[in-house]
Amino acid sequence: MKTYIFLPNKIESDWYLAPELACWLKDWLTNIEEAIEHGSISSSECVQGLLSELLLYGEARYDWLSVERELLRDDAEYPMAYSKQYGRKLYKFDKQWRQMPVYAIYNSFWLNSYYGEVQVDKYQELIYNLIQPNGWIYNREVSNTQLRTRMKSELFMSFAMGIEILCATTLSESLKHHLEASIASRALTEYISAEYFRYQALQRLELLYQFPEGIGQLLYRCEAYEGYNDFCVSNKIDDYMGTKKRTGHDFVIPTPLVSGMAQELGQICKEEERQYVEAKMKDYAEHLRANPMKISAFTMRDIDVPFGPGITPLEVIASAMIVNKYTK
């Protein structure tokens, strides 16, 4: 099975999973399957459904391939981010649900690859058509935001997803150099997730020597209690204004998903920094095993409302990955 890009390692069937998290995942799957009966699903939920079953049962039990092909394709068979019914329930989004961002292409590619029924050239053609003159990979019809103010994690994620699809076959040297120029020219960001996706892309392009220096210091700045937060709150910059954001009331939170990314990035740090990251991950693994449901949602300023859920299937899987890597 191909590793899903958000996760550094493959899911193993013999992993320990806390009973509380197993129960949560089963309830989540039940709710998703009920939504599917009404035609409501997103491409991210579809992939997370498959990943959840792999963690719980060691195999896919639901027919996620049929779900993707019947509900997450347009009339021309192009991958979509949302099913029609899912798009209709989004706020003021009824006429915009037909979207093909890079992640929708990637999710379709990954899911069809799992079932051994992927037409690689079809997906590569879609990605080729989304390579911008500057070498980055994104769909301007979905978002025409200028490069300077694009969210770094999304920009690097789309690039890494596109690279994985393109590298399913041999890249021409001219295309490789074009893509290399875009990713290698960007200075180190302040986001663990962005640097993780940069690492994924450069690794597939066999250009890891182009990775910028300073990743060990970034990981240190992003420490959050037992694990890692995606960014250093005090260093947040408004990309449009070029000024520091007001973050006095923001809260840093450790998340298993970002911490797993930090651990992977630790492998390319200096030896002393790598050992420090490994020691921290061992402590975080013990914490997660003792407190399996303590996965917090992000909150900011004085708004007492979480920005999305804390526990998600990807966070559960990342937690299991960390626990099984560092504890017995």
Protein backbone atom coordinates (compact mmCIF):
# COMPACT_ATOMS: atom_id res chain seq x y z
CA MET A 1 0.00 0.00 0.00
CA LYS A 2 1.24 3.49 -0.90
CA THR A 3 1.83 5.77 2.09
CA TYR A 4 -0.73 8.58 2.25
CA ILE A 5 1.15 11.86 1.95
CA PHE A 6 0.06 13.26 5.34
CA LEU A 7 1.46 10.21 7.13
CA PRO A 8 5.21 9.43 7.25
CA ASN A 9 4.63 5.68 7.56
CA LYS A 10 2.27 2.99 6.35
CA ILE A 11 -0.49 1.74 8.64
CA GLU A 12 0.30 -1.67 10.09
CA SER A 13 -2.45 -4.17 10.90
CA ASP A 14 -0.94 -5.14 14.27
CA TRP A 15 -0.82 -1.62 15.72
CA TYR A 16 -2.18 -1.04 19.19
CA LEU A 17 -5.18 1.33 19.20
CA ALA A 18 -6.72 2.63 22.42
CA PRO A 19 -10.28 1.29 22.87
CA GLU A 20 -11.60 4.86 23.23
CA LEU A 21 -10.14 5.84 19.86
CA ALA A 22 -11.35 2.64 18.20
CA CYS A 23 -14.86 3.41 19.44
CA TRP A 24 -14.59 6.99 18.18
CA LEU A 25 -13.44 5.83 14.73
CA LYS A 26 -16.27 3.31 14.43
CA ASP A 27 -18.83 5.99 15.31
CA TRP A 28 -17.24 8.33 12.77
CA LEU A 29 -17.43 5.66 10.08
CA THR A 30 -21.08 4.99 10.88
CA ASN A 31 -21.91 8.68 10.46
CA ILE A 32 -19.97 8.88 7.19
CA GLU A 33 -21.70 5.83 5.77
CA GLU A 34 -25.08 7.33 6.67
CA ALA A 35 -24.10 10.56 4.91
CA ILE A 36 -23.01 8.60 1.84
CA GLU A 37 -26.49 7.05 1.66
CA HIS A 38 -27.73 10.62 1.13
CA GLY A 39 -25.04 11.36 -1.45
CA SER A 40 -22.98 13.59 0.86
CA ILE A 41 -19.21 13.05 1.00
CA SER A 42 -15.95 14.93 0.43
CA SER A 43 -12.84 13.46 -1.15
CA SER A 44 -10.93 13.92 2.12
CA GLU A 45 -13.61 12.01 4.04
CA CYS A 46 -13.53 9.24 1.45
CA VAL A 47 -9.79 8.68 1.89
CA GLN A 48 -10.01 8.98 5.67
CA GLY A 49 -12.76 6.37 5.65
CA LEU A 50 -10.45 3.90 3.91
CA LEU A 51 -7.53 4.75 6.20
CA SER A 52 -9.74 4.32 9.27
CA GLU A 53 -10.77 0.83 8.20
CA LEU A 54 -7.15 -0.10 7.56
CA LEU A 55 -6.31 0.93 11.12
CA LEU A 56 -9.33 -0.80 12.66
CA TYR A 57 -9.52 -3.97 10.58
CA GLY A 58 -6.35 -4.19 8.51
CA GLU A 59 -8.42 -4.04 5.31
CA ALA A 60 -11.01 -1.95 3.49
CA ARG A 61 -14.55 -3.17 4.15
CA TYR A 62 -16.65 -0.44 2.57
CA ASP A 63 -16.56 0.09 -1.20
CA TRP A 64 -14.75 3.43 -1.13
CA LEU A 65 -13.76 3.09 -4.78
CA SER A 66 -17.38 3.09 -5.91
CA VAL A 67 -18.11 6.04 -3.63
CA GLU A 68 -15.30 8.03 -5.22
CA ARG A 69 -16.29 7.16 -8.76
CA GLU A 70 -20.04 7.65 -8.33
CA LEU A 71 -20.16 10.71 -6.06
CA LEU A 72 -16.82 12.50 -6.47
CA ARG A 73 -16.54 12.79 -10.25
CA ASP A 74 -18.07 15.32 -12.63
CA ASP A 75 -19.72 14.48 -15.95
CA ALA A 76 -16.29 14.32 -17.64
CA GLU A 77 -15.03 11.90 -14.96
CA TYR A 78 -12.70 14.52 -13.41
CA PRO A 79 -12.11 14.19 -9.63
CA MET A 80 -14.10 16.58 -7.46
CA ALA A 81 -13.46 17.81 -3.93
CA TYR A 82 -17.12 17.46 -2.92
CA SER A 83 -20.17 15.51 -3.91
CA LYS A 84 -23.14 17.54 -5.11
CA GLN A 85 -25.10 17.05 -1.88
CA TYR A 86 -22.04 17.89 0.25
CA GLY A 87 -21.51 21.09 -1.72
CA ARG A 88 -25.09 22.17 -1.24
CA LYS A 89 -24.80 22.18 2.54
CA LEU A 90 -21.78 24.52 2.55
CA TYR A 91 -22.53 28.17 3.31
CA LYS A 92 -23.15 30.18 0.12
CA PHE A 93 -21.39 27.43 -1.84
CA ASP A 94 -24.23 25.90 -3.81
CA LYS A 95 -22.96 26.96 -7.23
CA GLN A 96 -19.28 26.39 -6.49
CA TRP A 97 -19.18 22.76 -5.39
CA ARG A 98 -17.69 21.60 -8.70
CA GLN A 99 -14.08 22.13 -7.70
CA MET A 100 -10.95 20.23 -8.72
CA PRO A 101 -8.15 21.39 -6.41
CA VAL A 102 -4.92 19.42 -6.49
CA TYR A 103 -5.83 17.54 -3.32
CA ALA A 104 -8.99 16.17 -4.97
CA ILE A 105 -6.88 14.84 -7.85
CA TYR A 106 -4.40 13.37 -5.38
CA ASN A 107 -7.06 11.74 -3.21
CA SER A 108 -8.62 10.12 -6.27
CA PHE A 109 -5.18 8.99 -7.49
CA TRP A 110 -4.25 7.55 -4.09
CA LEU A 111 -7.55 5.75 -3.56
CA ASN A 112 -7.58 4.23 -7.06
CA SER A 113 -3.93 3.21 -6.57
CA TYR A 114 -4.88 1.37 -3.39
CA TYR A 115 -7.43 -0.68 -5.33
CA GLY A 116 -4.93 -1.26 -8.16
CA GLU A 117 -7.12 0.45 -10.73
CA VAL A 118 -5.32 3.74 -11.38
CA GLN A 119 -4.73 5.19 -14.86
CA VAL A 120 -1.50 7.03 -14.10
CA ASP A 121 -1.33 8.93 -17.40
CA LYS A 122 -4.82 10.37 -16.82
CA TYR A 123 -3.85 11.85 -13.47
CA GLN A 124 -0.49 13.04 -14.76
CA GLU A 125 -2.22 14.95 -17.55
CA LEU A 126 -4.43 16.71 -15.00
CA ILE A 127 -1.36 17.73 -12.99
CA TYR A 128 0.62 18.83 -16.08
CA ASN A 129 -2.23 21.21 -16.90
CA LEU A 130 -2.02 22.77 -13.43
CA ILE A 131 1.72 23.52 -13.47
CA GLN A 132 1.96 27.31 -13.40
CA PRO A 133 4.59 29.33 -15.32
CA ASN A 134 6.38 29.86 -11.99
CA GLY A 135 6.67 26.09 -11.48
CA TRP A 136 4.15 25.77 -8.66
CA ILE A 137 1.21 23.38 -8.96
CA TYR A 138 -2.29 24.63 -8.18
CA ASN A 139 -5.63 25.24 -9.86
CA ARG A 140 -6.08 28.95 -10.54
CA GLU A 141 -9.78 28.39 -11.28
CA VAL A 142 -10.28 27.27 -7.69
CA SER A 143 -8.16 30.04 -6.18
CA ASN A 144 -6.55 32.92 -8.04
CA THR A 145 -4.76 34.25 -4.94
CA GLN A 146 -1.38 35.76 -5.73
CA LEU A 147 1.61 33.61 -4.82
CA ARG A 148 2.89 35.97 -2.11
CA THR A 149 -0.25 35.63 0.00
CA ARG A 150 -1.08 31.97 -0.60
CA MET A 151 -1.16 29.81 2.50
CA LYS A 152 2.29 28.24 2.67
CA SER A 153 1.13 24.82 3.85
CA GLU A 154 -1.48 24.55 1.10
CA LEU A 155 0.99 25.75 -1.56
CA PHE A 156 3.65 23.21 -0.56
CA MET A 157 1.06 20.46 -0.06
CA SER A 158 -0.36 20.88 -3.57
CA PHE A 159 3.16 20.89 -4.97
CA ALA A 160 4.13 17.69 -3.13
CA MET A 161 0.91 15.94 -4.16
CA GLY A 162 1.49 16.89 -7.79
CA ILE A 163 5.09 15.71 -7.63
CA GLU A 164 4.06 12.30 -6.27
CA ILE A 165 1.71 11.81 -9.21
CA LEU A 166 4.25 13.04 -11.78
CA CYS A 167 6.99 10.83 -10.29
CA ALA A 168 4.88 7.72 -10.78
CA THR A 169 6.78 7.60 -14.08
CA THR A 170 10.12 9.12 -15.06
CA LEU A 171 10.23 12.91 -15.25
CA SER A 172 12.00 14.65 -18.11
CA GLU A 173 15.08 16.59 -17.01
CA SER A 174 13.66 19.87 -18.30
CA LEU A 175 10.47 19.50 -16.26
CA LYS A 176 12.44 18.43 -13.20
CA HIS A 177 14.61 21.56 -13.40
CA HIS A 178 11.51 23.75 -13.84
CA LEU A 179 9.88 22.27 -10.75
CA GLU A 180 13.13 22.37 -8.78
CA ALA A 181 13.51 26.10 -9.38
CA SER A 182 10.20 26.89 -7.68
CA ILE A 183 10.58 24.81 -4.52
CA ALA A 184 14.31 25.37 -4.03
CA SER A 185 14.07 29.13 -4.34
CA ARG A 186 11.71 29.54 -1.37
CA ALA A 187 13.30 30.32 1.98
CA LEU A 188 12.45 28.29 5.07
CA THR A 189 8.90 29.01 6.21
CA GLU A 190 7.66 29.13 9.79
CA TYR A 191 5.35 26.13 9.32
CA ILE A 192 6.21 22.52 10.09
CA SER A 193 3.57 21.23 7.68
CA ALA A 194 4.88 23.35 4.80
CA GLU A 195 8.43 22.11 5.38
CA TYR A 196 7.21 18.54 5.67
CA PHE A 197 5.59 18.79 2.23
CA ARG A 198 8.74 20.46 0.86
CA TYR A 199 10.69 17.47 2.23
CA GLN A 200 8.27 15.03 0.57
CA ALA A 201 8.61 16.78 -2.79
CA LEU A 202 12.39 17.11 -2.73
CA GLN A 203 12.77 13.50 -1.65
CA ARG A 204 10.75 12.27 -4.63
CA LEU A 205 12.69 14.55 -6.95
CA GLU A 206 15.94 13.22 -5.42
CA LEU A 207 16.92 16.79 -4.54
CA LEU A 208 17.09 16.72 -0.75
CA TYR A 209 20.36 18.66 -0.86
CA GLN A 210 18.18 21.65 -1.81
CA PHE A 211 16.42 21.62 1.55
CA PRO A 212 17.10 24.96 3.32
CA GLU A 213 19.08 25.10 6.55
CA GLY A 214 17.51 25.85 9.91
CA ILE A 215 14.88 23.11 10.21
CA GLY A 216 16.16 22.08 13.66
CA GLN A 217 15.67 25.61 14.98
CA LEU A 218 12.18 25.76 13.45
CA LEU A 219 11.19 22.53 15.22
CA TYR A 220 12.49 23.96 18.48
CA ARG A 221 10.42 27.16 18.01
CA CYS A 222 7.29 25.11 17.31
CA GLU A 223 7.42 22.97 20.44
CA ALA A 224 4.10 22.86 22.26
CA TYR A 225 4.00 21.11 25.62
CA GLU A 226 4.56 17.38 24.96
CA GLY A 227 4.54 17.64 21.14
CA TYR A 228 4.62 20.17 18.31
CA ASN A 229 2.38 22.96 17.03
CA ASP A 230 2.39 23.71 13.30
CA PHE A 231 3.89 27.18 13.75
CA CYS A 232 5.55 29.43 16.28
CA VAL A 233 2.79 31.76 17.47
CA SER A 234 5.10 34.66 18.28
CA ASN A 235 6.55 34.62 14.73
CA LYS A 236 3.26 34.70 12.79
CA ILE A 237 3.45 37.25 9.96
CA ASP A 238 0.62 38.76 7.92
CA ASP A 239 1.75 37.93 4.37
CA TYR A 240 -0.26 40.77 2.88
CA MET A 241 0.76 43.54 5.28
CA GLY A 242 4.19 42.17 6.12
CA THR A 243 3.59 42.80 9.82
CA LYS A 244 3.41 40.52 12.83
CA LYS A 245 -0.06 39.27 13.67
CA ARG A 246 -1.63 39.85 17.06
CA THR A 247 -1.21 36.52 18.80
CA GLY A 248 -1.24 37.42 22.48
CA HIS A 249 -4.35 35.36 23.11
CA ASP A 250 -3.61 32.47 20.75
CA PHE A 251 -3.01 29.04 22.22
CA VAL A 252 -0.36 26.61 21.04
CA ILE A 253 -1.50 23.01 20.92
CA PRO A 254 0.41 19.81 20.24
CA THR A 255 -1.20 17.62 17.58
CA PRO A 256 -0.24 14.07 16.62
CA LEU A 257 -0.38 14.86 12.90
CA VAL A 258 2.03 17.80 13.07
CA SER A 259 4.21 16.02 15.63
CA GLY A 260 4.57 13.08 13.24
CA MET A 261 5.65 15.51 10.55
CA ALA A 262 8.15 17.06 12.98
CA GLN A 263 9.58 13.62 13.74
CA GLU A 264 10.07 12.95 10.03
CA LEU A 265 11.80 16.29 9.55
CA GLY A 266 14.00 15.49 12.52
CA GLN A 267 15.66 12.81 10.41
CA ILE A 268 17.37 15.46 8.29
CA CYS A 269 18.49 17.60 11.24
CA LYS A 270 21.95 17.66 12.73
CA GLU A 271 22.57 14.59 14.88
CA GLU A 272 22.20 16.42 18.20
CA GLU A 273 18.94 17.99 17.04
CA ARG A 274 17.67 14.66 15.72
CA GLN A 275 18.28 12.97 19.06
CA TYR A 276 16.49 15.80 20.84
CA VAL A 277 13.43 15.40 18.59
CA GLU A 278 13.45 11.62 19.13
CA ALA A 279 13.56 12.05 22.91
CA LYS A 280 10.66 14.49 22.77
CA MET A 281 8.63 12.13 20.58
CA LYS A 282 9.14 9.31 23.08
CA ASP A 283 7.71 11.51 25.82
CA TYR A 284 4.81 12.53 23.59
CA ALA A 285 4.08 8.88 22.76
CA GLU A 286 3.83 8.07 26.47
CA HIS A 287 1.50 11.03 26.91
CA LEU A 288 -0.74 9.93 24.02
CA ARG A 289 -0.90 6.37 25.29
CA ALA A 290 -1.92 7.56 28.76
CA ASN A 291 -4.32 10.21 27.42
CA PRO A 292 -5.65 8.88 24.08
CA MET A 293 -8.57 11.32 23.82
CA LYS A 294 -6.55 14.43 24.67
CA ILE A 295 -6.30 15.81 21.14
CA SER A 296 -7.28 19.48 21.28
CA ALA A 297 -8.86 21.71 18.64
CA PHE A 298 -7.18 24.99 17.71
CA THR A 299 -8.56 28.15 19.31
CA MET A 300 -7.41 31.76 19.09
CA ARG A 301 -7.74 35.13 20.82
CA ASP A 302 -10.83 35.40 23.02
CA ILE A 303 -13.11 33.29 20.82
CA ASP A 304 -14.29 30.32 22.84
CA VAL A 305 -15.10 28.27 19.74
CA PRO A 306 -12.73 25.64 18.32
CA PHE A 307 -11.59 25.99 14.71
CA GLY A 308 -12.80 22.57 13.64
CA PRO A 309 -12.70 19.33 15.62
CA GLY A 310 -9.73 18.23 17.67
CA ILE A 311 -10.06 14.51 17.01
CA THR A 312 -10.18 13.56 13.34
CA PRO A 313 -9.39 10.24 11.65
CA LEU A 314 -5.99 11.54 10.50
CA GLU A 315 -5.14 12.70 14.03
CA VAL A 316 -6.18 9.29 15.41
CA ILE A 317 -4.03 7.48 12.86
CA ALA A 318 -1.08 9.79 13.50
CA SER A 319 -1.48 9.21 17.24
CA ALA A 320 -1.47 5.43 16.73
CA MET A 321 1.61 5.78 14.52
CA ILE A 322 3.51 7.65 17.24
CA VAL A 323 2.37 5.39 20.07
CA ASN A 324 3.34 2.21 18.23
CA LYS A 325 6.70 3.60 17.11
CA TYR A 326 7.87 4.67 20.55
CA THR A 327 6.07 2.54 23.14
CA LYS A 328 5.61 -1.16 23.70
